[in-house]
Amino acid sequence: MSPTLIGVVGITIAACSLGVAVYNIWLSHFRKKEPERIEEPPAEAPADEGSFGPDHPNVAVDLNNLAQLLKATNRLAEAEPLIRRALAIFEASLGKTHPNTIGVRRNLEILLQEMKG
């Protein structure tokens, strides 16, 4: 690998990992019941959408993570369209039998069950 390629790969990995890192920090505070350290999860387009485009699997990961944050704060109606979009992206890009697709489909099923009551 050339130094240039290594640098690009490192930057890409860092950008992809940022959303996961933010999610993990937020979830850690939530689980520890530290409400003073919990900020509202962002209800906006994932950062990866600008880098990779709206239909990239990395965007689906971000959408699913954001949906899980919303679900954890009982914002189920806000989480549903994000999970549905993540599922659609994974189905189109990875196929219906890919493990990521199956996992997000399961997350949607769980969310819909919780929404029923």
Protein backbone atom coordinates (compact mmCIF):
# COMPACT_ATOMS: atom_id res chain seq x y z
CA MET A 1 0.00 0.00 0.00
CA SER A 2 1.19 3.46 -0.77
CA PRO A 3 1.24 6.06 2.01
CA THR A 4 -1.56 7.91 0.24
CA LEU A 5 -3.84 4.87 0.25
CA ILE A 6 -3.06 4.16 3.89
CA GLY A 7 -3.99 7.73 4.78
CA VAL A 8 -7.26 7.53 2.87
CA VAL A 9 -8.16 4.21 4.49
CA GLY A 10 -7.36 5.63 7.93
CA ILE A 11 -9.50 8.71 7.36
CA THR A 12 -12.38 6.59 6.05
CA ILE A 13 -12.21 4.25 9.03
CA ALA A 14 -12.11 7.23 11.41
CA ALA A 15 -15.14 8.82 9.75
CA CYS A 16 -17.12 5.59 9.89
CA SER A 17 -16.12 4.98 13.48
CA LEU A 18 -17.17 8.43 14.66
CA GLY A 19 -20.88 7.65 14.57
CA VAL A 20 -20.32 4.38 16.43
CA ALA A 21 -18.14 6.11 19.02
CA VAL A 22 -20.73 8.81 19.67
CA TYR A 23 -23.43 6.15 19.96
CA ASN A 24 -21.36 4.09 22.41
CA ILE A 25 -20.59 7.09 24.62
CA TRP A 26 -24.23 8.13 24.67
CA LEU A 27 -25.39 4.59 25.43
CA SER A 28 -22.83 4.26 28.22
CA HIS A 29 -24.20 7.35 29.96
CA PHE A 30 -27.76 6.16 29.40
CA ARG A 31 -27.07 2.73 30.90
CA LYS A 32 -25.28 4.26 33.90
CA LYS A 33 -28.33 6.43 34.47
CA GLU A 34 -26.31 9.62 34.26
CA PRO A 35 -29.02 11.93 32.91
CA GLU A 36 -26.89 15.04 33.40
CA ARG A 37 -24.41 13.65 30.88
CA ILE A 38 -26.96 12.47 28.33
CA GLU A 39 -27.64 14.78 25.46
CA GLU A 40 -30.50 14.42 23.05
CA PRO A 41 -29.57 11.99 20.30
CA PRO A 42 -29.34 13.84 17.00
CA ALA A 43 -32.40 13.36 14.80
CA GLU A 44 -30.69 14.30 11.58
CA ALA A 45 -29.01 12.73 8.58
CA PRO A 46 -25.99 10.60 9.42
CA ALA A 47 -22.57 12.12 8.83
CA ASP A 48 -21.67 9.30 6.44
CA GLU A 49 -24.47 10.32 4.08
CA GLY A 50 -22.46 13.30 2.84
CA SER A 51 -19.34 11.18 2.33
CA PHE A 52 -20.79 8.01 0.83
CA GLY A 53 -24.19 9.00 -0.55
CA PRO A 54 -27.68 8.23 0.76
CA ASP A 55 -27.77 4.53 -0.20
CA HIS A 56 -24.44 3.33 1.16
CA PRO A 57 -24.37 0.55 3.81
CA ASN A 58 -22.42 2.85 6.16
CA VAL A 59 -25.41 5.20 6.13
CA ALA A 60 -27.65 2.26 7.02
CA VAL A 61 -25.41 1.49 10.01
CA ASP A 62 -25.69 5.11 11.16
CA LEU A 63 -29.47 5.11 10.69
CA ASN A 64 -29.84 1.89 12.65
CA ASN A 65 -27.64 3.22 15.47
CA LEU A 66 -29.60 6.46 15.62
CA ALA A 67 -32.86 4.52 15.63
CA GLN A 68 -31.61 2.45 18.57
CA LEU A 69 -30.81 5.65 20.48
CA LEU A 70 -34.30 6.97 19.80
CA LYS A 71 -35.80 3.64 20.84
CA ALA A 72 -33.78 3.68 24.08
CA THR A 73 -35.31 7.06 24.92
CA ASN A 74 -38.82 5.82 24.08
CA ARG A 75 -39.06 7.86 20.87
CA LEU A 76 -40.40 4.87 18.99
CA ALA A 77 -42.31 6.75 16.29
CA GLU A 78 -39.16 8.67 15.37
CA ALA A 79 -37.08 5.48 15.28
CA GLU A 80 -39.37 3.57 12.91
CA PRO A 81 -38.68 5.44 9.64
CA LEU A 82 -34.93 5.34 10.32
CA ILE A 83 -34.93 1.58 10.80
CA ARG A 84 -37.12 1.12 7.72
CA ARG A 85 -34.71 3.20 5.65
CA ALA A 86 -31.71 1.28 7.01
CA LEU A 87 -33.42 -1.99 6.12
CA ALA A 88 -34.19 -0.78 2.58
CA ILE A 89 -30.55 0.27 2.07
CA PHE A 90 -29.21 -3.05 3.33
CA GLU A 91 -31.67 -5.09 1.26
CA ALA A 92 -30.76 -3.15 -1.90
CA SER A 93 -27.00 -3.13 -1.34
CA LEU A 94 -26.27 -6.35 0.53
CA GLY A 95 -29.28 -8.57 -0.15
CA LYS A 96 -32.05 -9.94 2.03
CA THR A 97 -29.97 -12.74 3.55
CA HIS A 98 -26.93 -10.71 4.61
CA PRO A 99 -26.36 -10.71 8.41
CA ASN A 100 -26.64 -6.90 8.60
CA THR A 101 -29.97 -7.00 6.79
CA ILE A 102 -31.26 -9.75 9.03
CA GLY A 103 -30.17 -7.86 12.16
CA VAL A 104 -31.88 -4.63 11.13
CA ARG A 105 -35.02 -6.54 10.11
CA ARG A 106 -35.06 -8.05 13.62
CA ASN A 107 -34.61 -4.57 15.14
CA LEU A 108 -37.64 -3.41 13.17
CA GLU A 109 -39.70 -6.38 14.35
CA ILE A 110 -38.79 -5.66 17.97
CA LEU A 111 -39.60 -1.97 17.57
CA LEU A 112 -43.00 -2.71 16.02
CA GLN A 113 -43.80 -5.09 18.89
CA GLU A 114 -42.88 -2.38 21.41
CA MET A 115 -45.03 0.14 19.56
CA LYS A 116 -48.04 -2.19 19.83
CA GLY A 117 -47.73 -2.06 23.55
